[in-house]
Amino acid sequence: MLTKMLKETGALLEGHFLLSSGKHSDGYVQCAKLLMYPDKAEKAVKLIIEKLKDIDFDIVVGPAMGGIIVSYELARQMRKPGIFVEREDKVMKFRRGFTIEKKQKVLIAEDVVTTGKSSYEAIKAVEEQGGEVIGIACIVDRSKEDLKYPIYSGVQLNINTYEKEECPLCKANVPIIKPGSRKITLK
């Protein structure tokens, strides 16, 4: 169902992409295209919540940009507070008066998890304030490695990811696109 919604909204893209991690990929999930429809966002997050039924947590934290809407919608449906971290001087930080209490159980919320880089940056900010991360919730899990935290996803997709030096799309001179929000240069 979720894969169908991603396709219908134009959120599931094919091509040659530079990911926020610096890796290359032949596919990209632009969840903003799905999340622009509140009814679809609600349905996508409900799929995640089904997997969170027995998980105890106090607050949801989303890394900006991709995690803001997901953390809000997840918090709304679960009747929990939802906040976000954002970059300041290239470091994810709590701003706008947001804080985490010591020992507070935190669920990280993302749109898409590939390498976990944004999640780990959010986790660092949470742990610096004494919070305890219990897992990562996301609409799409496209990770292929153990991220050390349980992942609660709406859907798991198998999309190829490459190191730049090993990228067959680079070798075939396919133009690269950088669709994410993190500022990195095209190479």
N, C-alpha and C. Protein backbone atom coordinates (compact mmCIF):
# COMPACT_ATOMS: atom_id res chain seq x y z
N MET A 1 0.81 -1.20 0.00
CA MET A 1 0.00 0.00 0.00
C MET A 1 0.86 1.27 0.00
N LEU A 2 1.89 1.31 0.85
CA LEU A 2 2.72 2.50 0.94
C LEU A 2 3.55 2.68 -0.33
N THR A 3 4.09 1.61 -0.87
CA THR A 3 4.85 1.72 -2.12
C THR A 3 3.96 2.29 -3.22
N LYS A 4 2.71 1.86 -3.26
CA LYS A 4 1.77 2.37 -4.25
C LYS A 4 1.55 3.87 -4.05
N MET A 5 1.39 4.32 -2.80
CA MET A 5 1.21 5.76 -2.53
C MET A 5 2.45 6.55 -2.93
N LEU A 6 3.63 6.00 -2.68
CA LEU A 6 4.87 6.68 -3.06
C LEU A 6 4.92 6.86 -4.58
N LYS A 7 4.54 5.83 -5.31
CA LYS A 7 4.53 5.92 -6.78
C LYS A 7 3.48 6.89 -7.27
N GLU A 8 2.28 6.82 -6.70
CA GLU A 8 1.17 7.69 -7.13
C GLU A 8 1.48 9.18 -6.93
N THR A 9 2.22 9.49 -5.89
CA THR A 9 2.52 10.90 -5.58
C THR A 9 3.81 11.38 -6.24
N GLY A 10 4.50 10.51 -6.97
CA GLY A 10 5.75 10.89 -7.61
C GLY A 10 6.91 10.95 -6.64
N ALA A 11 6.78 10.30 -5.51
CA ALA A 11 7.83 10.33 -4.49
C ALA A 11 8.94 9.31 -4.74
N LEU A 12 8.67 8.29 -5.53
CA LEU A 12 9.65 7.25 -5.81
C LEU A 12 10.29 7.54 -7.17
N LEU A 13 11.55 7.94 -7.13
CA LEU A 13 12.25 8.41 -8.33
C LEU A 13 13.34 7.44 -8.77
N GLU A 14 13.60 7.40 -10.07
CA GLU A 14 14.70 6.62 -10.63
C GLU A 14 15.65 7.56 -11.34
N GLY A 15 16.93 7.28 -11.29
CA GLY A 15 17.93 8.12 -11.93
C GLY A 15 19.29 7.92 -11.28
N HIS A 16 20.07 8.98 -11.20
CA HIS A 16 21.41 8.95 -10.59
C HIS A 16 21.42 10.07 -9.55
N PHE A 17 21.49 9.70 -8.28
CA PHE A 17 21.31 10.67 -7.20
C PHE A 17 22.51 10.70 -6.26
N LEU A 18 22.83 11.90 -5.81
CA LEU A 18 23.83 12.10 -4.75
C LEU A 18 23.05 12.21 -3.45
N LEU A 19 23.27 11.25 -2.56
CA LEU A 19 22.55 11.23 -1.29
C LEU A 19 23.25 12.13 -0.26
N SER A 20 22.53 12.46 0.79
CA SER A 20 23.08 13.29 1.86
C SER A 20 24.33 12.69 2.49
N SER A 21 24.43 11.37 2.46
CA SER A 21 25.58 10.67 3.02
C SER A 21 26.83 10.82 2.15
N GLY A 22 26.65 11.32 0.90
CA GLY A 22 27.75 11.39 -0.05
C GLY A 22 27.77 10.19 -0.99
N LYS A 23 26.96 9.17 -0.67
CA LYS A 23 26.88 8.00 -1.53
C LYS A 23 26.01 8.31 -2.74
N HIS A 24 26.11 7.45 -3.76
CA HIS A 24 25.30 7.59 -4.97
C HIS A 24 24.23 6.50 -4.97
N SER A 25 23.16 6.72 -5.72
CA SER A 25 22.07 5.76 -5.77
C SER A 25 21.35 5.82 -7.11
N ASP A 26 20.71 4.70 -7.48
CA ASP A 26 19.92 4.68 -8.71
C ASP A 26 18.44 4.94 -8.43
N GLY A 27 18.13 5.24 -7.17
CA GLY A 27 16.76 5.56 -6.79
C GLY A 27 16.74 6.54 -5.64
N TYR A 28 15.64 7.26 -5.52
CA TYR A 28 15.52 8.25 -4.46
C TYR A 28 14.06 8.31 -4.04
N VAL A 29 13.85 8.47 -2.76
CA VAL A 29 12.49 8.62 -2.25
C VAL A 29 12.34 10.05 -1.75
N GLN A 30 11.56 10.84 -2.46
CA GLN A 30 11.30 12.23 -2.10
C GLN A 30 9.99 12.25 -1.31
N CYS A 31 10.09 11.91 -0.01
CA CYS A 31 8.89 11.77 0.82
C CYS A 31 8.07 13.05 0.90
N ALA A 32 8.68 14.19 0.66
CA ALA A 32 7.93 15.45 0.69
C ALA A 32 6.77 15.41 -0.30
N LYS A 33 6.93 14.68 -1.40
CA LYS A 33 5.87 14.56 -2.41
C LYS A 33 4.68 13.77 -1.85
N LEU A 34 4.93 12.84 -0.95
CA LEU A 34 3.86 12.10 -0.28
C LEU A 34 3.30 12.92 0.87
N LEU A 35 4.20 13.53 1.66
CA LEU A 35 3.79 14.24 2.87
C LEU A 35 3.03 15.53 2.59
N MET A 36 3.03 15.99 1.34
CA MET A 36 2.27 17.19 1.02
C MET A 36 0.76 16.95 1.06
N TYR A 37 0.38 15.69 1.14
CA TYR A 37 -1.03 15.31 1.25
C TYR A 37 -1.28 14.80 2.67
N PRO A 38 -1.93 15.59 3.52
CA PRO A 38 -2.14 15.20 4.92
C PRO A 38 -2.81 13.83 5.09
N ASP A 39 -3.75 13.48 4.22
CA ASP A 39 -4.41 12.18 4.35
C ASP A 39 -3.44 11.04 4.08
N LYS A 40 -2.54 11.24 3.12
CA LYS A 40 -1.54 10.20 2.81
C LYS A 40 -0.48 10.13 3.91
N ALA A 41 -0.09 11.29 4.45
CA ALA A 41 0.87 11.32 5.56
C ALA A 41 0.29 10.55 6.76
N GLU A 42 -0.98 10.79 7.03
CA GLU A 42 -1.63 10.10 8.15
C GLU A 42 -1.61 8.59 7.94
N LYS A 43 -1.95 8.14 6.74
CA LYS A 43 -1.96 6.70 6.44
C LYS A 43 -0.55 6.10 6.53
N ALA A 44 0.44 6.80 5.99
CA ALA A 44 1.82 6.30 6.02
C ALA A 44 2.30 6.14 7.46
N VAL A 45 2.01 7.12 8.28
CA VAL A 45 2.47 7.08 9.68
C VAL A 45 1.70 6.02 10.47
N LYS A 46 0.44 5.78 10.13
CA LYS A 46 -0.32 4.72 10.80
C LYS A 46 0.36 3.36 10.63
N LEU A 47 0.99 3.15 9.47
CA LEU A 47 1.71 1.89 9.24
C LEU A 47 2.90 1.75 10.19
N ILE A 48 3.54 2.86 10.50
CA ILE A 48 4.64 2.85 11.46
C ILE A 48 4.10 2.58 12.86
N ILE A 49 3.02 3.25 13.20
CA ILE A 49 2.44 3.13 14.55
C ILE A 49 2.03 1.69 14.86
N GLU A 50 1.58 0.96 13.85
CA GLU A 50 1.24 -0.46 14.06
C GLU A 50 2.43 -1.22 14.64
N LYS A 51 3.63 -0.82 14.26
CA LYS A 51 4.84 -1.49 14.74
C LYS A 51 5.33 -0.95 16.08
N LEU A 52 4.75 0.16 16.52
CA LEU A 52 5.15 0.80 17.78
C LEU A 52 4.20 0.51 18.94
N LYS A 53 3.20 -0.34 18.71
CA LYS A 53 2.16 -0.58 19.71
C LYS A 53 2.70 -0.87 21.11
N ASP A 54 3.71 -1.70 21.21
CA ASP A 54 4.21 -2.12 22.51
C ASP A 54 5.51 -1.41 22.89
N ILE A 55 5.85 -0.33 22.22
CA ILE A 55 7.10 0.39 22.47
C ILE A 55 6.80 1.61 23.34
N ASP A 56 7.54 1.72 24.44
CA ASP A 56 7.36 2.81 25.39
C ASP A 56 8.33 3.95 25.07
N PHE A 57 7.78 5.14 24.85
CA PHE A 57 8.62 6.32 24.66
C PHE A 57 7.84 7.55 25.11
N ASP A 58 8.58 8.65 25.34
CA ASP A 58 7.99 9.86 25.89
C ASP A 58 7.82 10.98 24.87
N ILE A 59 8.72 11.05 23.90
CA ILE A 59 8.75 12.18 22.98
C ILE A 59 9.34 11.74 21.64
N VAL A 60 8.94 12.43 20.58
CA VAL A 60 9.43 12.14 19.23
C VAL A 60 10.32 13.31 18.79
N VAL A 61 11.49 12.97 18.23
CA VAL A 61 12.43 13.99 17.73
C VAL A 61 12.74 13.68 16.27
N GLY A 62 12.55 14.68 15.42
CA GLY A 62 12.86 14.53 14.00
C GLY A 62 13.99 15.45 13.59
N PRO A 63 14.96 14.93 12.82
CA PRO A 63 15.99 15.81 12.28
C PRO A 63 15.43 16.63 11.11
N ALA A 64 15.72 17.92 11.11
CA ALA A 64 15.29 18.78 10.01
C ALA A 64 16.12 18.43 8.78
N MET A 65 15.57 18.39 7.67
CA MET A 65 14.26 18.77 7.23
C MET A 65 13.31 17.57 7.19
N GLY A 66 13.82 16.45 6.71
CA GLY A 66 12.96 15.31 6.41
C GLY A 66 12.16 14.77 7.58
N GLY A 67 12.65 14.93 8.79
CA GLY A 67 11.97 14.36 9.95
C GLY A 67 10.93 15.25 10.59
N ILE A 68 10.83 16.50 10.17
CA ILE A 68 9.93 17.43 10.86
C ILE A 68 8.46 17.01 10.72
N ILE A 69 8.00 16.81 9.50
CA ILE A 69 6.59 16.45 9.30
C ILE A 69 6.31 15.06 9.87
N VAL A 70 7.24 14.13 9.68
CA VAL A 70 7.04 12.77 10.18
C VAL A 70 6.96 12.77 11.70
N SER A 71 7.87 13.51 12.36
CA SER A 71 7.84 13.56 13.83
C SER A 71 6.55 14.20 14.32
N TYR A 72 6.10 15.25 13.65
CA TYR A 72 4.85 15.91 14.04
C TYR A 72 3.67 14.94 13.91
N GLU A 73 3.55 14.30 12.75
CA GLU A 73 2.41 13.43 12.50
C GLU A 73 2.43 12.21 13.42
N LEU A 74 3.60 11.67 13.67
CA LEU A 74 3.72 10.53 14.57
C LEU A 74 3.33 10.94 15.99
N ALA A 75 3.83 12.09 16.43
CA ALA A 75 3.49 12.60 17.77
C ALA A 75 1.99 12.89 17.87
N ARG A 76 1.42 13.47 16.83
CA ARG A 76 -0.01 13.80 16.84
C ARG A 76 -0.86 12.54 17.00
N GLN A 77 -0.54 11.53 16.20
CA GLN A 77 -1.34 10.32 16.25
C GLN A 77 -1.15 9.55 17.55
N MET A 78 0.03 9.65 18.15
CA MET A 78 0.30 8.90 19.38
C MET A 78 0.09 9.75 20.63
N ARG A 79 -0.32 11.01 20.43
CA ARG A 79 -0.58 11.92 21.54
C ARG A 79 0.63 12.10 22.45
N LYS A 80 1.75 12.34 21.79
CA LYS A 80 3.03 12.59 22.48
C LYS A 80 3.57 13.93 21.99
N PRO A 81 4.47 14.54 22.73
CA PRO A 81 5.12 15.75 22.20
C PRO A 81 6.04 15.39 21.04
N GLY A 82 6.16 16.29 20.09
CA GLY A 82 7.04 16.11 18.95
C GLY A 82 7.84 17.37 18.70
N ILE A 83 9.16 17.22 18.63
CA ILE A 83 10.06 18.36 18.41
C ILE A 83 11.07 17.98 17.34
N PHE A 84 11.98 18.91 17.03
CA PHE A 84 12.99 18.59 16.02
C PHE A 84 14.32 19.23 16.35
N VAL A 85 15.36 18.68 15.75
CA VAL A 85 16.69 19.27 15.80
C VAL A 85 16.98 19.83 14.42
N GLU A 86 17.84 20.85 14.38
CA GLU A 86 18.18 21.47 13.10
C GLU A 86 19.65 21.84 13.11
N ARG A 87 20.19 22.05 11.92
CA ARG A 87 21.60 22.37 11.80
C ARG A 87 21.88 23.82 12.20
N GLU A 88 22.93 23.94 13.00
CA GLU A 88 23.48 25.26 13.33
C GLU A 88 24.98 25.07 13.27
N ASP A 89 25.65 25.80 12.40
CA ASP A 89 27.09 25.63 12.18
C ASP A 89 27.42 24.17 11.84
N LYS A 90 26.58 23.57 10.98
CA LYS A 90 26.77 22.21 10.46
C LYS A 90 26.58 21.11 11.51
N VAL A 91 26.02 21.44 12.67
CA VAL A 91 25.79 20.46 13.74
C VAL A 91 24.31 20.47 14.10
N MET A 92 23.71 19.27 14.24
CA MET A 92 22.32 19.17 14.67
C MET A 92 22.22 19.56 16.13
N LYS A 93 21.30 20.50 16.40
CA LYS A 93 21.12 21.00 17.76
C LYS A 93 19.64 21.23 18.02
N PHE A 94 19.31 21.24 19.32
CA PHE A 94 17.97 21.67 19.73
C PHE A 94 18.00 23.19 19.77
N ARG A 95 17.02 23.80 19.16
CA ARG A 95 16.87 25.26 19.17
C ARG A 95 15.41 25.56 19.49
N ARG A 96 15.02 26.79 19.38
CA ARG A 96 13.63 27.21 19.56
C ARG A 96 13.07 26.87 20.93
N GLY A 97 13.95 26.67 21.91
CA GLY A 97 13.51 26.32 23.26
C GLY A 97 13.23 24.85 23.47
N PHE A 98 13.49 24.01 22.46
CA PHE A 98 13.27 22.57 22.60
C PHE A 98 14.36 21.97 23.49
N THR A 99 13.98 21.07 24.37
CA THR A 99 14.94 20.36 25.22
C THR A 99 14.46 18.93 25.45
N ILE A 100 15.36 18.12 25.90
CA ILE A 100 15.08 16.75 26.30
C ILE A 100 15.43 16.65 27.78
N GLU A 101 14.57 16.00 28.55
CA GLU A 101 14.86 15.79 29.97
C GLU A 101 15.77 14.58 30.15
N LYS A 102 16.52 14.58 31.24
CA LYS A 102 17.39 13.43 31.54
C LYS A 102 16.54 12.17 31.64
N LYS A 103 17.02 11.09 31.03
CA LYS A 103 16.38 9.77 31.03
C LYS A 103 15.07 9.71 30.24
N GLN A 104 14.71 10.80 29.54
CA GLN A 104 13.50 10.78 28.73
C GLN A 104 13.70 9.80 27.57
N LYS A 105 12.69 8.97 27.33
CA LYS A 105 12.76 7.98 26.25
C LYS A 105 12.34 8.63 24.95
N VAL A 106 13.26 8.60 23.97
CA VAL A 106 13.09 9.35 22.72
C VAL A 106 13.00 8.41 21.53
N LEU A 107 12.04 8.69 20.66
CA LEU A 107 11.93 8.00 19.38
C LEU A 107 12.35 9.00 18.30
N ILE A 108 13.34 8.64 17.50
CA ILE A 108 13.77 9.48 16.38
C ILE A 108 12.84 9.19 15.21
N ALA A 109 12.39 10.23 14.52
CA ALA A 109 11.47 10.06 13.38
C ALA A 109 12.06 10.68 12.13
N GLU A 110 12.08 9.92 11.06
CA GLU A 110 12.67 10.32 9.78
C GLU A 110 11.70 10.05 8.66
N ASP A 111 11.95 10.67 7.51
CA ASP A 111 11.19 10.29 6.32
C ASP A 111 11.81 9.03 5.72
N VAL A 112 13.12 9.08 5.43
CA VAL A 112 13.83 7.96 4.82
C VAL A 112 15.11 7.70 5.59
N VAL A 113 15.41 6.43 5.85
CA VAL A 113 16.69 6.06 6.47
C VAL A 113 17.48 5.24 5.45
N THR A 114 18.68 5.73 5.15
CA THR A 114 19.58 5.00 4.25
C THR A 114 20.82 4.56 5.02
N THR A 115 21.66 5.51 5.40
CA THR A 115 22.86 5.19 6.19
C THR A 115 22.65 5.49 7.67
N GLY A 116 21.61 6.25 7.99
CA GLY A 116 21.36 6.64 9.37
C GLY A 116 22.09 7.89 9.79
N LYS A 117 22.76 8.56 8.85
CA LYS A 117 23.58 9.73 9.20
C LYS A 117 22.79 10.82 9.93
N SER A 118 21.65 11.22 9.39
CA SER A 118 20.84 12.26 10.05
C SER A 118 20.31 11.76 11.39
N SER A 119 19.91 10.49 11.43
CA SER A 119 19.42 9.93 12.69
C SER A 119 20.51 9.96 13.76
N TYR A 120 21.73 9.56 13.38
CA TYR A 120 22.83 9.57 14.35
C TYR A 120 23.16 10.98 14.82
N GLU A 121 23.02 11.96 13.94
CA GLU A 121 23.25 13.35 14.36
C GLU A 121 22.19 13.77 15.37
N ALA A 122 20.94 13.37 15.14
CA ALA A 122 19.86 13.67 16.08
C ALA A 122 20.08 12.92 17.40
N ILE A 123 20.50 11.67 17.30
CA ILE A 123 20.76 10.86 18.49
C ILE A 123 21.83 11.52 19.35
N LYS A 124 22.88 12.02 18.73
CA LYS A 124 23.95 12.69 19.48
C LYS A 124 23.39 13.89 20.25
N ALA A 125 22.54 14.68 19.61
CA ALA A 125 21.93 15.84 20.27
C ALA A 125 21.07 15.41 21.46
N VAL A 126 20.32 14.32 21.28
CA VAL A 126 19.47 13.79 22.35
C VAL A 126 20.32 13.32 23.52
N GLU A 127 21.35 12.54 23.21
CA GLU A 127 22.21 11.98 24.27
C GLU A 127 22.98 13.06 25.01
N GLU A 128 23.35 14.13 24.32
CA GLU A 128 24.04 15.23 24.98
C GLU A 128 23.18 15.88 26.05
N GLN A 129 21.85 15.76 25.90
CA GLN A 129 20.94 16.30 26.91
C GLN A 129 20.49 15.25 27.92
N GLY A 130 21.00 14.03 27.78
CA GLY A 130 20.69 12.98 28.74
C GLY A 130 19.50 12.12 28.38
N GLY A 131 18.97 12.27 27.17
CA GLY A 131 17.86 11.44 26.73
C GLY A 131 18.33 10.06 26.31
N GLU A 132 17.39 9.11 26.27
CA GLU A 132 17.69 7.73 25.87
C GLU A 132 16.91 7.39 24.60
N VAL A 133 17.61 7.16 23.51
CA VAL A 133 16.97 6.83 22.25
C VAL A 133 16.57 5.35 22.26
N ILE A 134 15.29 5.10 21.94
CA ILE A 134 14.79 3.72 21.97
C ILE A 134 14.63 3.13 20.57
N GLY A 135 14.75 3.97 19.54
CA GLY A 135 14.62 3.46 18.18
C GLY A 135 14.44 4.57 17.17
N ILE A 136 14.34 4.15 15.92
CA ILE A 136 14.17 5.08 14.80
C ILE A 136 12.91 4.68 14.04
N ALA A 137 12.00 5.63 13.88
CA ALA A 137 10.79 5.40 13.09
C ALA A 137 10.97 6.13 11.76
N CYS A 138 10.52 5.51 10.67
CA CYS A 138 10.65 6.16 9.36
C CYS A 138 9.57 5.67 8.42
N ILE A 139 9.27 6.49 7.45
CA ILE A 139 8.32 6.07 6.42
C ILE A 139 8.96 4.99 5.56
N VAL A 140 10.21 5.26 5.10
CA VAL A 140 10.91 4.31 4.23
C VAL A 140 12.25 3.93 4.85
N ASP A 141 12.46 2.63 5.00
CA ASP A 141 13.76 2.10 5.42
C ASP A 141 14.43 1.52 4.19
N ARG A 142 15.51 2.15 3.76
CA ARG A 142 16.27 1.61 2.64
C ARG A 142 17.69 1.27 3.08
N SER A 143 17.87 1.14 4.41
CA SER A 143 19.19 0.81 4.96
C SER A 143 19.54 -0.63 4.65
N LYS A 144 20.81 -0.87 4.56
CA LYS A 144 21.27 -2.23 4.28
C LYS A 144 22.26 -2.71 5.32
N GLU A 145 22.42 -1.91 6.38
CA GLU A 145 23.36 -2.27 7.42
C GLU A 145 22.69 -2.14 8.77
N ASP A 146 23.30 -2.74 9.80
CA ASP A 146 22.77 -2.65 11.15
C ASP A 146 23.03 -1.24 11.69
N LEU A 147 21.98 -0.55 12.07
CA LEU A 147 22.12 0.82 12.55
C LEU A 147 22.17 0.91 14.08
N LYS A 148 22.25 -0.21 14.77
CA LYS A 148 22.41 -0.28 16.23
C LYS A 148 21.15 0.10 17.00
N TYR A 149 20.09 0.49 16.31
CA TYR A 149 18.82 0.82 16.94
C TYR A 149 17.72 0.11 16.17
N PRO A 150 16.66 -0.28 16.85
CA PRO A 150 15.54 -0.87 16.11
C PRO A 150 14.94 0.17 15.15
N ILE A 151 14.53 -0.29 13.98
CA ILE A 151 13.90 0.59 13.00
C ILE A 151 12.45 0.14 12.83
N TYR A 152 11.56 1.11 12.94
CA TYR A 152 10.13 0.89 12.78
C TYR A 152 9.70 1.66 11.54
N SER A 153 9.50 0.93 10.44
CA SER A 153 9.24 1.62 9.16
C SER A 153 7.88 1.27 8.59
N GLY A 154 7.38 2.19 7.77
CA GLY A 154 6.15 1.92 7.03
C GLY A 154 6.39 0.92 5.93
N VAL A 155 7.57 1.02 5.29
CA VAL A 155 7.93 0.09 4.22
C VAL A 155 9.46 0.00 4.14
N GLN A 156 9.93 -1.17 3.74
CA GLN A 156 11.36 -1.35 3.49
C GLN A 156 11.54 -1.52 1.98
N LEU A 157 12.42 -0.69 1.40
CA LEU A 157 12.67 -0.75 -0.04
C LEU A 157 14.13 -1.12 -0.30
N ASN A 158 14.33 -1.91 -1.31
CA ASN A 158 15.67 -2.30 -1.71
C ASN A 158 16.09 -1.43 -2.89
N ILE A 159 16.80 -0.35 -2.60
CA ILE A 159 17.28 0.58 -3.62
C ILE A 159 18.80 0.55 -3.57
N ASN A 160 19.44 0.43 -4.74
CA ASN A 160 20.90 0.33 -4.77
C ASN A 160 21.57 1.63 -4.31
N THR A 161 22.62 1.46 -3.54
CA THR A 161 23.44 2.57 -3.05
C THR A 161 24.89 2.22 -3.33
N TYR A 162 25.66 3.21 -3.80
CA TYR A 162 27.05 2.95 -4.19
C TYR A 162 27.99 3.99 -3.59
N GLU A 163 29.22 3.56 -3.33
CA GLU A 163 30.28 4.52 -3.06
C GLU A 163 30.58 5.19 -4.40
N LYS A 164 30.96 6.45 -4.37
CA LYS A 164 31.19 7.20 -5.61
C LYS A 164 32.15 6.45 -6.54
N GLU A 165 33.22 5.93 -5.98
CA GLU A 165 34.26 5.26 -6.79
C GLU A 165 33.75 3.99 -7.46
N GLU A 166 32.69 3.40 -6.92
CA GLU A 166 32.16 2.14 -7.45
C GLU A 166 30.85 2.32 -8.21
N CYS A 167 30.42 3.55 -8.40
CA CYS A 167 29.10 3.83 -8.97
C CYS A 167 29.06 3.53 -10.47
N PRO A 168 28.22 2.56 -10.89
CA PRO A 168 28.12 2.25 -12.32
C PRO A 168 27.49 3.39 -13.11
N LEU A 169 26.69 4.22 -12.47
CA LEU A 169 26.06 5.35 -13.16
C LEU A 169 27.09 6.43 -13.48
N CYS A 170 28.05 6.62 -12.59
CA CYS A 170 29.15 7.56 -12.87
C CYS A 170 29.98 7.04 -14.05
N LYS A 171 30.27 5.74 -14.00
CA LYS A 171 31.08 5.13 -15.06
C LYS A 171 30.37 5.21 -16.42
N ALA A 172 29.03 5.24 -16.39
CA ALA A 172 28.25 5.36 -17.63
C ALA A 172 27.95 6.82 -17.98
N ASN A 173 28.54 7.74 -17.22
CA ASN A 173 28.36 9.19 -17.44
C ASN A 173 26.90 9.64 -17.38
N VAL A 174 26.12 9.00 -16.51
CA VAL A 174 24.73 9.43 -16.29
C VAL A 174 24.78 10.67 -15.39
N PRO A 175 24.16 11.78 -15.80
CA PRO A 175 24.17 13.00 -14.98
C PRO A 175 23.61 12.74 -13.58
N ILE A 176 24.21 13.38 -12.59
CA ILE A 176 23.82 13.18 -11.19
C ILE A 176 22.95 14.34 -10.70
N ILE A 177 22.01 14.00 -9.84
CA ILE A 177 21.09 14.98 -9.24
C ILE A 177 21.25 14.92 -7.73
N LYS A 178 21.22 16.07 -7.07
CA LYS A 178 21.30 16.15 -5.61
C LYS A 178 19.98 16.71 -5.08
N PRO A 179 19.03 15.82 -4.73
CA PRO A 179 17.71 16.29 -4.34
C PRO A 179 17.52 16.62 -2.86
N GLY A 180 18.39 16.17 -1.96
CA GLY A 180 18.18 16.33 -0.52
C GLY A 180 18.42 17.74 -0.02
N SER A 181 18.22 17.93 1.28
CA SER A 181 18.33 19.26 1.88
C SER A 181 19.72 19.58 2.41
N ARG A 182 20.54 18.56 2.67
CA ARG A 182 21.87 18.82 3.22
C ARG A 182 22.75 19.44 2.14
N LYS A 183 23.51 20.44 2.54
CA LYS A 183 24.37 21.14 1.57
C LYS A 183 25.66 20.34 1.36
N ILE A 184 25.71 19.67 0.22
CA ILE A 184 26.92 19.00 -0.22
C ILE A 184 27.09 19.32 -1.69
N THR A 185 28.29 19.20 -2.19
CA THR A 185 28.53 19.60 -3.58
C THR A 185 28.42 18.39 -4.51
N LEU A 186 27.96 18.65 -5.71
CA LEU A 186 27.91 17.62 -6.75
C LEU A 186 29.32 17.32 -7.23
N LYS A 187 29.64 16.03 -7.27
CA LYS A 187 30.96 15.62 -7.75
C LYS A 187 30.83 14.39 -8.57
